[in-house]
Amino acid sequence: MAKTSGRRGWRVFRGCVAASLVLCFGLARAETPATADGIEAVWKTHELHFEYRGGNTFYSCHGLHERLTRILLHLGARKPPELRAYTCNDTTGVARFQVTFESPLEATADNVRELTDYDAREVLIARARGEQSPSAQDLERFPAEWKTVSFSRDRRLNLDPGDCELVQQLRQQILPRMSVQVLRNRRCSTFGNISRPSMTVSALVAEQRQR
């Protein structure tokens, strides 16, 4: 009789644990709304300052602009970013830009609240422009998905060994502000690189038919 009671108690315990796990996973899934096709996302506007300092690689202003645009588009930017150069010197290897672009952000309650929580300055600027700050209901929602991007293997990025410094500086200054998770990364060599930038990331991108 004691053994039978113990088994029943173990079954009840396992059932409670299983139910708790189901509840936890259900709550986790509910935190990020999903569409029939993927993760529900909204567009987040970024206005960032980016500074490139080349040790081994110098770019022309046009070349640096082109590479920044290509990488950000591949990591989910809605359209080509606007780059305004503060400093761009082809001979010193130093360039400073203001970079403005939109990229996907999971439409969780916290993220939507953050996007629509305007300070007094933002409200005044919008009024001066005759605009109205969008509410949570006004935000455009769309299906998105996480995509793995290998900087060394993806031919569409068209990077070469000399781009390693640029990739690492993007990782430090811009990628943390985007929905991008670094999975693997190898630092650049101080003596020059013989292979393409070795970094793999997971980036939240709009599903292809929505872009």
C-alpha atoms as a PDB file:
ATOM      1  CA  MET A   1       0.000   0.000   0.000  1.00  0.00           C
ATOM      2  CA  ALA A   2       2.870   2.384   0.842  1.00  0.00           C
ATOM      3  CA  LYS A   3       4.462   1.819  -2.561  1.00  0.00           C
ATOM      4  CA  THR A   4       1.174   2.457  -4.376  1.00  0.00           C
ATOM      5  CA  SER A   5       0.639   5.713  -2.452  1.00  0.00           C
ATOM      6  CA  GLY A   6       4.175   6.824  -3.268  1.00  0.00           C
ATOM      7  CA  ARG A   7       3.679   6.181  -6.962  1.00  0.00           C
ATOM      8  CA  ARG A   8       0.432   8.123  -6.993  1.00  0.00           C
ATOM      9  CA  GLY A   9       2.143  11.011  -5.211  1.00  0.00           C
ATOM     10  CA  TRP A  10       4.957  10.957  -7.789  1.00  0.00           C
ATOM     11  CA  ARG A  11       2.419  11.014 -10.648  1.00  0.00           C
ATOM     12  CA  VAL A  12       0.646  14.000  -9.065  1.00  0.00           C
ATOM     13  CA  PHE A  13       3.993  15.788  -8.590  1.00  0.00           C
ATOM     14  CA  ARG A  14       5.006  15.179 -12.208  1.00  0.00           C
ATOM     15  CA  GLY A  15       1.617  16.400 -13.397  1.00  0.00           C
ATOM     16  CA  CYS A  16       1.977  19.621 -11.403  1.00  0.00           C
ATOM     17  CA  VAL A  17       5.477  20.224 -12.767  1.00  0.00           C
ATOM     18  CA  ALA A  18       4.302  19.634 -16.347  1.00  0.00           C
ATOM     19  CA  ALA A  19       1.360  21.984 -15.863  1.00  0.00           C
ATOM     20  CA  SER A  20       3.665  24.659 -14.435  1.00  0.00           C
ATOM     21  CA  LEU A  21       6.039  24.345 -17.383  1.00  0.00           C
ATOM     22  CA  VAL A  22       3.182  24.648 -19.862  1.00  0.00           C
ATOM     23  CA  LEU A  23       1.944  27.741 -18.041  1.00  0.00           C
ATOM     24  CA  CYS A  24       5.421  29.313 -18.024  1.00  0.00           C
ATOM     25  CA  PHE A  25       6.003  28.655 -21.725  1.00  0.00           C
ATOM     26  CA  GLY A  26       2.543  29.991 -22.483  1.00  0.00           C
ATOM     27  CA  LEU A  27       3.285  33.227 -20.630  1.00  0.00           C
ATOM     28  CA  ALA A  28       6.648  33.566 -22.388  1.00  0.00           C
ATOM     29  CA  ARG A  29       5.029  33.157 -25.789  1.00  0.00           C
ATOM     30  CA  ALA A  30       2.282  35.612 -24.897  1.00  0.00           C
ATOM     31  CA  GLU A  31       4.907  38.286 -24.110  1.00  0.00           C
ATOM     32  CA  THR A  32       5.792  38.569 -27.807  1.00  0.00           C
ATOM     33  CA  PRO A  33       2.653  38.567 -29.998  1.00  0.00           C
ATOM     34  CA  ALA A  34       2.911  36.337 -33.049  1.00  0.00           C
ATOM     35  CA  THR A  35       1.129  36.521 -36.357  1.00  0.00           C
ATOM     36  CA  ALA A  36       0.078  33.505 -38.378  1.00  0.00           C
ATOM     37  CA  ASP A  37       3.415  33.693 -40.186  1.00  0.00           C
ATOM     38  CA  GLY A  38       5.935  34.843 -37.593  1.00  0.00           C
ATOM     39  CA  ILE A  39       6.815  37.237 -34.799  1.00  0.00           C
ATOM     40  CA  GLU A  40       4.785  40.434 -34.625  1.00  0.00           C
ATOM     41  CA  ALA A  41       7.122  43.404 -34.915  1.00  0.00           C
ATOM     42  CA  VAL A  42       7.087  47.194 -35.229  1.00  0.00           C
ATOM     43  CA  TRP A  43       9.570  49.602 -36.767  1.00  0.00           C
ATOM     44  CA  LYS A  44      11.970  51.412 -34.455  1.00  0.00           C
ATOM     45  CA  THR A  45      13.730  54.578 -35.627  1.00  0.00           C
ATOM     46  CA  HIS A  46      17.424  54.892 -34.783  1.00  0.00           C
ATOM     47  CA  GLU A  47      19.429  58.120 -34.834  1.00  0.00           C
ATOM     48  CA  LEU A  48      22.986  57.130 -33.980  1.00  0.00           C
ATOM     49  CA  HIS A  49      26.459  58.585 -34.170  1.00  0.00           C
ATOM     50  CA  PHE A  50      28.994  56.225 -35.727  1.00  0.00           C
ATOM     51  CA  GLU A  51      32.735  56.776 -35.778  1.00  0.00           C
ATOM     52  CA  TYR A  52      35.122  54.669 -37.850  1.00  0.00           C
ATOM     53  CA  ARG A  53      38.844  54.641 -37.106  1.00  0.00           C
ATOM     54  CA  GLY A  54      40.894  52.559 -39.486  1.00  0.00           C
ATOM     55  CA  GLY A  55      44.120  50.969 -38.336  1.00  0.00           C
ATOM     56  CA  ASN A  56      44.763  48.675 -41.283  1.00  0.00           C
ATOM     57  CA  THR A  57      41.995  49.762 -43.698  1.00  0.00           C
ATOM     58  CA  PHE A  58      41.178  53.215 -45.047  1.00  0.00           C
ATOM     59  CA  TYR A  59      37.988  53.799 -47.047  1.00  0.00           C
ATOM     60  CA  SER A  60      36.907  56.498 -49.409  1.00  0.00           C
ATOM     61  CA  CYS A  61      33.810  58.309 -48.128  1.00  0.00           C
ATOM     62  CA  HIS A  62      31.744  56.657 -50.853  1.00  0.00           C
ATOM     63  CA  GLY A  63      33.164  53.206 -50.088  1.00  0.00           C
ATOM     64  CA  LEU A  64      32.414  53.481 -46.383  1.00  0.00           C
ATOM     65  CA  HIS A  65      28.905  54.776 -47.069  1.00  0.00           C
ATOM     66  CA  GLU A  66      28.246  51.880 -49.440  1.00  0.00           C
ATOM     67  CA  ARG A  67      29.429  49.224 -46.978  1.00  0.00           C
ATOM     68  CA  LEU A  68      27.451  50.661 -44.054  1.00  0.00           C
ATOM     69  CA  THR A  69      24.309  50.734 -46.179  1.00  0.00           C
ATOM     70  CA  ARG A  70      24.759  47.168 -47.425  1.00  0.00           C
ATOM     71  CA  ILE A  71      25.342  45.712 -43.947  1.00  0.00           C
ATOM     72  CA  LEU A  72      22.458  47.537 -42.255  1.00  0.00           C
ATOM     73  CA  LEU A  73      20.011  46.579 -44.997  1.00  0.00           C
ATOM     74  CA  HIS A  74      21.066  42.941 -44.634  1.00  0.00           C
ATOM     75  CA  LEU A  75      20.508  43.099 -40.871  1.00  0.00           C
ATOM     76  CA  GLY A  76      16.924  44.306 -41.177  1.00  0.00           C
ATOM     77  CA  ALA A  77      16.959  48.044 -41.969  1.00  0.00           C
ATOM     78  CA  ARG A  78      13.693  49.027 -43.658  1.00  0.00           C
ATOM     79  CA  LYS A  79      15.365  51.085 -46.383  1.00  0.00           C
ATOM     80  CA  PRO A  80      18.821  52.524 -47.064  1.00  0.00           C
ATOM     81  CA  PRO A  81      19.956  54.517 -44.016  1.00  0.00           C
ATOM     82  CA  GLU A  82      20.489  58.268 -44.154  1.00  0.00           C
ATOM     83  CA  LEU A  83      24.139  59.057 -43.456  1.00  0.00           C
ATOM     84  CA  ARG A  84      25.255  62.591 -42.758  1.00  0.00           C
ATOM     85  CA  ALA A  85      29.014  62.952 -42.550  1.00  0.00           C
ATOM     86  CA  TYR A  86      30.513  65.147 -39.854  1.00  0.00           C
ATOM     87  CA  THR A  87      34.047  64.148 -40.780  1.00  0.00           C
ATOM     88  CA  CYS A  88      35.187  61.924 -43.598  1.00  0.00           C
ATOM     89  CA  ASN A  89      38.877  61.960 -44.454  1.00  0.00           C
ATOM     90  CA  ASP A  90      40.119  59.504 -47.071  1.00  0.00           C
ATOM     91  CA  THR A  91      43.726  59.833 -45.951  1.00  0.00           C
ATOM     92  CA  THR A  92      43.549  59.617 -42.143  1.00  0.00           C
ATOM     93  CA  GLY A  93      41.094  56.701 -41.937  1.00  0.00           C
ATOM     94  CA  VAL A  94      38.744  58.618 -39.607  1.00  0.00           C
ATOM     95  CA  ALA A  95      35.059  59.166 -40.383  1.00  0.00           C
ATOM     96  CA  ARG A  96      32.099  60.303 -38.268  1.00  0.00           C
ATOM     97  CA  PHE A  97      28.496  59.948 -39.347  1.00  0.00           C
ATOM     98  CA  GLN A  98      25.012  60.504 -38.050  1.00  0.00           C
ATOM     99  CA  VAL A  99      23.125  57.389 -39.127  1.00  0.00           C
ATOM    100  CA  THR A 100      19.310  57.365 -39.285  1.00  0.00           C
ATOM    101  CA  PHE A 101      17.327  54.237 -40.156  1.00  0.00           C
ATOM    102  CA  GLU A 102      14.445  51.982 -39.089  1.00  0.00           C
ATOM    103  CA  SER A 103      14.743  48.345 -38.061  1.00  0.00           C
ATOM    104  CA  PRO A 104      12.363  45.700 -36.625  1.00  0.00           C
ATOM    105  CA  LEU A 105      11.619  45.426 -32.924  1.00  0.00           C
ATOM    106  CA  GLU A 106       9.464  42.724 -31.310  1.00  0.00           C
ATOM    107  CA  ALA A 107       6.035  44.184 -30.519  1.00  0.00           C
ATOM    108  CA  THR A 108       6.041  43.284 -26.824  1.00  0.00           C
ATOM    109  CA  ALA A 109       4.010  45.429 -24.448  1.00  0.00           C
ATOM    110  CA  ASP A 110       7.205  46.895 -22.954  1.00  0.00           C
ATOM    111  CA  ASN A 111       8.715  47.720 -26.351  1.00  0.00           C
ATOM    112  CA  VAL A 112       5.535  49.359 -27.636  1.00  0.00           C
ATOM    113  CA  ARG A 113       5.245  51.361 -24.406  1.00  0.00           C
ATOM    114  CA  GLU A 114       8.831  52.548 -24.767  1.00  0.00           C
ATOM    115  CA  LEU A 115       8.307  53.621 -28.387  1.00  0.00           C
ATOM    116  CA  THR A 116       5.212  55.665 -27.538  1.00  0.00           C
ATOM    117  CA  ASP A 117       6.419  57.196 -24.251  1.00  0.00           C
ATOM    118  CA  TYR A 118       7.369  60.662 -25.507  1.00  0.00           C
ATOM    119  CA  ASP A 119       9.140  63.276 -23.421  1.00  0.00           C
ATOM    120  CA  ALA A 120       8.151  66.948 -23.422  1.00  0.00           C
ATOM    121  CA  ARG A 121      10.821  67.873 -25.973  1.00  0.00           C
ATOM    122  CA  GLU A 122       9.619  65.271 -28.479  1.00  0.00           C
ATOM    123  CA  VAL A 123       6.012  66.424 -28.073  1.00  0.00           C
ATOM    124  CA  LEU A 124       6.993  70.061 -28.683  1.00  0.00           C
ATOM    125  CA  ILE A 125       9.024  69.174 -31.788  1.00  0.00           C
ATOM    126  CA  ALA A 126       6.102  67.211 -33.209  1.00  0.00           C
ATOM    127  CA  ARG A 127       3.717  70.105 -32.573  1.00  0.00           C
ATOM    128  CA  ALA A 128       6.112  72.582 -34.192  1.00  0.00           C
ATOM    129  CA  ARG A 129       6.154  70.395 -37.296  1.00  0.00           C
ATOM    130  CA  GLY A 130       2.375  70.080 -37.297  1.00  0.00           C
ATOM    131  CA  GLU A 131       2.652  66.373 -36.593  1.00  0.00           C
ATOM    132  CA  GLN A 132       1.045  64.106 -34.030  1.00  0.00           C
ATOM    133  CA  SER A 133       3.129  61.570 -32.139  1.00  0.00           C
ATOM    134  CA  PRO A 134       1.872  58.071 -33.011  1.00  0.00           C
ATOM    135  CA  SER A 135       0.068  56.097 -30.326  1.00  0.00           C
ATOM    136  CA  ALA A 136       0.440  52.358 -29.718  1.00  0.00           C
ATOM    137  CA  GLN A 137      -2.496  51.741 -32.074  1.00  0.00           C
ATOM    138  CA  ASP A 138      -0.850  53.832 -34.803  1.00  0.00           C
ATOM    139  CA  LEU A 139       2.356  51.765 -34.961  1.00  0.00           C
ATOM    140  CA  GLU A 140       2.650  49.668 -38.092  1.00  0.00           C
ATOM    141  CA  ARG A 141       2.813  45.973 -37.224  1.00  0.00           C
ATOM    142  CA  PHE A 142       4.181  43.251 -39.488  1.00  0.00           C
ATOM    143  CA  PRO A 143       5.457  39.637 -39.318  1.00  0.00           C
ATOM    144  CA  ALA A 144       9.180  39.224 -38.729  1.00  0.00           C
ATOM    145  CA  GLU A 145      11.589  36.360 -38.198  1.00  0.00           C
ATOM    146  CA  TRP A 146      15.054  35.735 -36.768  1.00  0.00           C
ATOM    147  CA  LYS A 147      17.640  35.181 -39.500  1.00  0.00           C
ATOM    148  CA  THR A 148      21.165  33.853 -38.997  1.00  0.00           C
ATOM    149  CA  VAL A 149      23.758  35.908 -40.865  1.00  0.00           C
ATOM    150  CA  SER A 150      27.371  34.835 -41.317  1.00  0.00           C
ATOM    151  CA  PHE A 151      29.601  37.770 -42.240  1.00  0.00           C
ATOM    152  CA  SER A 152      32.221  35.406 -43.672  1.00  0.00           C
ATOM    153  CA  ARG A 153      29.919  33.160 -45.728  1.00  0.00           C
ATOM    154  CA  ASP A 154      27.079  35.393 -46.913  1.00  0.00           C
ATOM    155  CA  ARG A 155      28.090  36.470 -50.419  1.00  0.00           C
ATOM    156  CA  ARG A 156      25.420  39.173 -50.521  1.00  0.00           C
ATOM    157  CA  LEU A 157      27.378  41.141 -47.924  1.00  0.00           C
ATOM    158  CA  ASN A 158      30.356  41.060 -50.294  1.00  0.00           C
ATOM    159  CA  LEU A 159      32.922  41.718 -47.555  1.00  0.00           C
ATOM    160  CA  ASP A 160      36.658  41.141 -47.777  1.00  0.00           C
ATOM    161  CA  PRO A 161      39.409  40.697 -45.143  1.00  0.00           C
ATOM    162  CA  GLY A 162      39.969  44.450 -44.947  1.00  0.00           C
ATOM    163  CA  ASP A 163      36.428  44.980 -43.654  1.00  0.00           C
ATOM    164  CA  CYS A 164      37.126  43.304 -40.310  1.00  0.00           C
ATOM    165  CA  GLU A 165      37.732  46.574 -38.447  1.00  0.00           C
ATOM    166  CA  LEU A 166      34.520  48.080 -39.805  1.00  0.00           C
ATOM    167  CA  VAL A 167      32.475  45.037 -38.727  1.00  0.00           C
ATOM    168  CA  GLN A 168      33.923  45.113 -35.217  1.00  0.00           C
ATOM    169  CA  GLN A 169      33.229  48.830 -34.814  1.00  0.00           C
ATOM    170  CA  LEU A 170      29.663  48.317 -36.042  1.00  0.00           C
ATOM    171  CA  ARG A 171      29.315  45.569 -33.448  1.00  0.00           C
ATOM    172  CA  GLN A 172      30.343  47.956 -30.684  1.00  0.00           C
ATOM    173  CA  GLN A 173      28.444  51.075 -31.749  1.00  0.00           C
ATOM    174  CA  ILE A 174      25.336  50.112 -33.748  1.00  0.00           C
ATOM    175  CA  LEU A 175      24.417  46.421 -33.408  1.00  0.00           C
ATOM    176  CA  PRO A 176      23.626  46.657 -29.654  1.00  0.00           C
ATOM    177  CA  ARG A 177      20.884  49.175 -30.515  1.00  0.00           C
ATOM    178  CA  MET A 178      19.267  46.840 -33.048  1.00  0.00           C
ATOM    179  CA  SER A 179      17.467  43.507 -32.652  1.00  0.00           C
ATOM    180  CA  VAL A 180      20.703  41.651 -33.319  1.00  0.00           C
ATOM    181  CA  GLN A 181      22.302  38.951 -31.175  1.00  0.00           C
ATOM    182  CA  VAL A 182      25.971  38.089 -31.722  1.00  0.00           C
ATOM    183  CA  LEU A 183      26.353  34.300 -31.798  1.00  0.00           C
ATOM    184  CA  ARG A 184      30.034  33.993 -32.698  1.00  0.00           C
ATOM    185  CA  ASN A 185      32.778  36.518 -33.155  1.00  0.00           C
ATOM    186  CA  ARG A 186      36.527  36.576 -33.734  1.00  0.00           C
ATOM    187  CA  ARG A 187      38.603  39.683 -33.204  1.00  0.00           C
ATOM    188  CA  CYS A 188      40.598  41.287 -35.983  1.00  0.00           C
ATOM    189  CA  SER A 189      44.333  40.760 -36.224  1.00  0.00           C
ATOM    190  CA  THR A 190      46.489  43.807 -35.505  1.00  0.00           C
ATOM    191  CA  PHE A 191      48.798  42.690 -38.333  1.00  0.00           C
ATOM    192  CA  GLY A 192      46.107  42.563 -41.026  1.00  0.00           C
ATOM    193  CA  ASN A 193      43.555  39.871 -41.816  1.00  0.00           C
ATOM    194  CA  ILE A 194      43.741  37.096 -44.370  1.00  0.00           C
ATOM    195  CA  SER A 195      40.095  36.033 -44.228  1.00  0.00           C
ATOM    196  CA  ARG A 196      36.704  37.729 -44.253  1.00  0.00           C
ATOM    197  CA  PRO A 197      35.242  39.122 -41.003  1.00  0.00           C
ATOM    198  CA  SER A 198      34.376  36.148 -38.820  1.00  0.00           C
ATOM    199  CA  MET A 199      31.146  37.011 -37.044  1.00  0.00           C
ATOM    200  CA  THR A 200      27.763  35.268 -36.997  1.00  0.00           C
ATOM    201  CA  VAL A 201      24.632  36.992 -35.721  1.00  0.00           C
ATOM    202  CA  SER A 202      20.910  36.392 -35.399  1.00  0.00           C
ATOM    203  CA  ALA A 203      18.992  39.416 -36.716  1.00  0.00           C
ATOM    204  CA  LEU A 204      15.282  40.185 -36.558  1.00  0.00           C
ATOM    205  CA  VAL A 205      14.151  40.976 -40.112  1.00  0.00           C
ATOM    206  CA  ALA A 206      10.791  41.592 -41.730  1.00  0.00           C
ATOM    207  CA  GLU A 207       9.464  38.592 -43.589  1.00  0.00           C
ATOM    208  CA  GLN A 208      10.508  38.892 -47.203  1.00  0.00           C
ATOM    209  CA  ARG A 209       7.114  39.622 -48.732  1.00  0.00           C
ATOM    210  CA  GLN A 210       6.587  42.516 -46.311  1.00  0.00           C
ATOM    211  CA  ARG A 211       9.837  44.316 -47.133  1.00  0.00           C
END
